[in-house]
Amino acid sequence: TLATGFCALVFGATHFKYAQFTATMVPSWIPPNQIFWAYATGVAHLVAGLSLLSGIRAQLGATLLSVMMAAFVILVHVPRVIASPGEQLEWIMLGVALSLSGAAWLVRKYAA
C-alpha cells in the first residue's frame, strides 16, 4: 500500500504541474470544464495517496482511486483508442491505465 500511496501522490503532483496538458485529455463535453477536472483529479490522487500512506481510511482511498482510474479508462483511453486504432501509444496508455486501475483495486484487500 505504501508504494501505491506514493505513486498516487506523484500522479496528483503531476496533475498540478502539468495541469494544462492534463486538461487536454479530459473530454470537453464533461462539465464544468477540462481544467477543473485536471485539478479535481489531482486532488483526488493526493487524498488517496495520503490515505494509503497514513492508513486513515486506506481501504476507502484505494477503492475510490481504482474507481477514478477505471473512469479514466472508460472516458479517456477507450475513446482515444477508438478514434486512433492505429496509434500504438494510445494502446499502451490504455494498457497502463487498465493496469493501474486493477492494481489499485487489488490494494484494497491489503489496505489497513
Protein backbone atom coordinates (compact mmCIF):
# COMPACT_ATOMS: atom_id res chain seq x y z
CA THR A 1 0.00 0.00 0.00
CA LEU A 2 2.93 2.35 0.61
CA ALA A 3 4.14 2.15 -2.99
CA THR A 4 0.63 2.76 -4.30
CA GLY A 5 0.20 5.70 -1.94
CA PHE A 6 3.48 7.23 -3.04
CA CYS A 7 2.59 6.77 -6.72
CA ALA A 8 -0.80 8.41 -6.15
CA LEU A 9 0.98 11.42 -4.61
CA VAL A 10 3.28 11.65 -7.63
CA PHE A 11 0.34 11.36 -10.04
CA GLY A 12 -1.51 14.08 -8.12
CA ALA A 13 1.51 16.38 -8.18
CA THR A 14 1.90 15.94 -11.93
CA HIS A 15 -1.76 16.86 -12.44
CA PHE A 16 -0.92 20.23 -10.89
CA LYS A 17 2.47 20.72 -12.53
CA TYR A 18 1.12 19.81 -15.96
CA ALA A 19 -2.48 20.98 -15.49
CA GLN A 20 -2.83 22.39 -18.99
CA PHE A 21 -1.65 19.12 -20.57
CA THR A 22 -3.81 17.04 -18.23
CA ALA A 23 -6.81 19.17 -19.16
CA THR A 24 -6.36 18.31 -22.85
CA MET A 25 -7.02 14.67 -22.02
CA VAL A 26 -10.38 15.42 -20.36
CA PRO A 27 -13.31 15.11 -22.80
CA SER A 28 -14.65 18.61 -23.44
CA TRP A 29 -18.28 17.51 -23.01
CA ILE A 30 -17.81 16.81 -19.28
CA PRO A 31 -18.96 19.84 -17.25
CA PRO A 32 -17.91 22.21 -15.84
CA ASN A 33 -14.62 22.34 -17.83
CA GLN A 34 -11.41 20.49 -18.55
CA ILE A 35 -9.10 22.45 -16.25
CA PHE A 36 -11.47 21.88 -13.33
CA TRP A 37 -11.16 18.12 -13.82
CA ALA A 38 -7.39 18.31 -14.17
CA TYR A 39 -7.18 19.89 -10.72
CA ALA A 40 -10.01 17.83 -9.18
CA THR A 41 -8.42 14.54 -10.19
CA GLY A 42 -5.08 15.85 -8.95
CA VAL A 43 -6.65 16.50 -5.55
CA ALA A 44 -8.28 13.06 -5.61
CA HIS A 45 -4.91 11.42 -6.28
CA LEU A 46 -3.30 13.37 -3.44
CA VAL A 47 -6.06 12.49 -0.98
CA ALA A 48 -5.95 8.80 -1.96
CA GLY A 49 -2.16 8.80 -1.63
CA LEU A 50 -2.28 10.40 1.81
CA SER A 51 -4.96 7.94 2.86
CA LEU A 52 -2.86 4.95 1.79
CA LEU A 53 0.33 6.28 3.35
CA SER A 54 -1.30 7.22 6.66
CA GLY A 55 -3.59 4.21 6.92
CA ILE A 56 -6.56 6.51 7.59
CA ARG A 57 -9.50 5.16 5.59
CA ALA A 58 -6.96 3.40 3.37
CA GLN A 59 -9.41 0.85 2.03
CA LEU A 60 -11.82 3.59 1.01
CA GLY A 61 -8.93 5.56 -0.53
CA ALA A 62 -7.83 2.55 -2.58
CA THR A 63 -11.41 1.85 -3.67
CA LEU A 64 -12.01 5.41 -4.81
CA LEU A 65 -8.61 5.55 -6.52
CA SER A 66 -9.42 2.41 -8.51
CA VAL A 67 -12.88 3.72 -9.45
CA MET A 68 -11.39 7.02 -10.61
CA MET A 69 -8.76 5.24 -12.69
CA ALA A 70 -11.40 2.94 -14.18
CA ALA A 71 -13.36 6.06 -15.14
CA PHE A 72 -10.22 7.33 -16.92
CA VAL A 73 -10.14 4.08 -18.88
CA ILE A 74 -13.77 4.43 -19.94
CA LEU A 75 -13.92 8.20 -20.52
CA VAL A 76 -10.42 8.94 -21.81
CA HIS A 77 -8.45 5.96 -23.03
CA VAL A 78 -11.06 3.76 -24.74
CA PRO A 79 -12.41 6.67 -26.83
CA ARG A 80 -8.85 7.67 -27.81
CA VAL A 81 -8.10 4.10 -28.98
CA ILE A 82 -11.38 4.00 -30.91
CA ALA A 83 -10.53 7.35 -32.55
CA SER A 84 -6.98 6.27 -33.45
CA PRO A 85 -6.80 2.47 -33.50
CA GLY A 86 -3.51 2.52 -35.39
CA GLU A 87 -1.71 4.62 -32.75
CA GLN A 88 0.47 2.35 -30.68
CA LEU A 89 0.89 4.97 -27.94
CA GLU A 90 -2.88 5.07 -27.35
CA TRP A 91 -2.95 1.30 -26.89
CA ILE A 92 -0.01 1.49 -24.48
CA MET A 93 -1.71 4.24 -22.47
CA LEU A 94 -4.90 2.14 -22.33
CA GLY A 95 -2.92 -0.86 -21.07
CA VAL A 96 -1.16 1.22 -18.43
CA ALA A 97 -4.43 2.79 -17.28
CA LEU A 98 -6.07 -0.64 -17.02
CA SER A 99 -3.09 -1.98 -15.08
CA LEU A 100 -3.10 0.94 -12.65
CA SER A 101 -6.84 0.63 -12.10
CA GLY A 102 -6.55 -3.10 -11.45
CA ALA A 103 -3.57 -2.64 -9.14
CA ALA A 104 -5.44 -0.04 -7.07
CA TRP A 105 -8.39 -2.43 -6.88
CA LEU A 106 -6.13 -5.20 -5.57
CA VAL A 107 -4.55 -2.89 -2.99
CA ARG A 108 -7.98 -2.52 -1.35
CA LYS A 109 -7.60 -6.01 0.09
CA TYR A 110 -4.35 -5.13 1.85
CA ALA A 111 -5.18 -1.58 2.89
CA ALA A 112 -5.40 -1.07 6.64
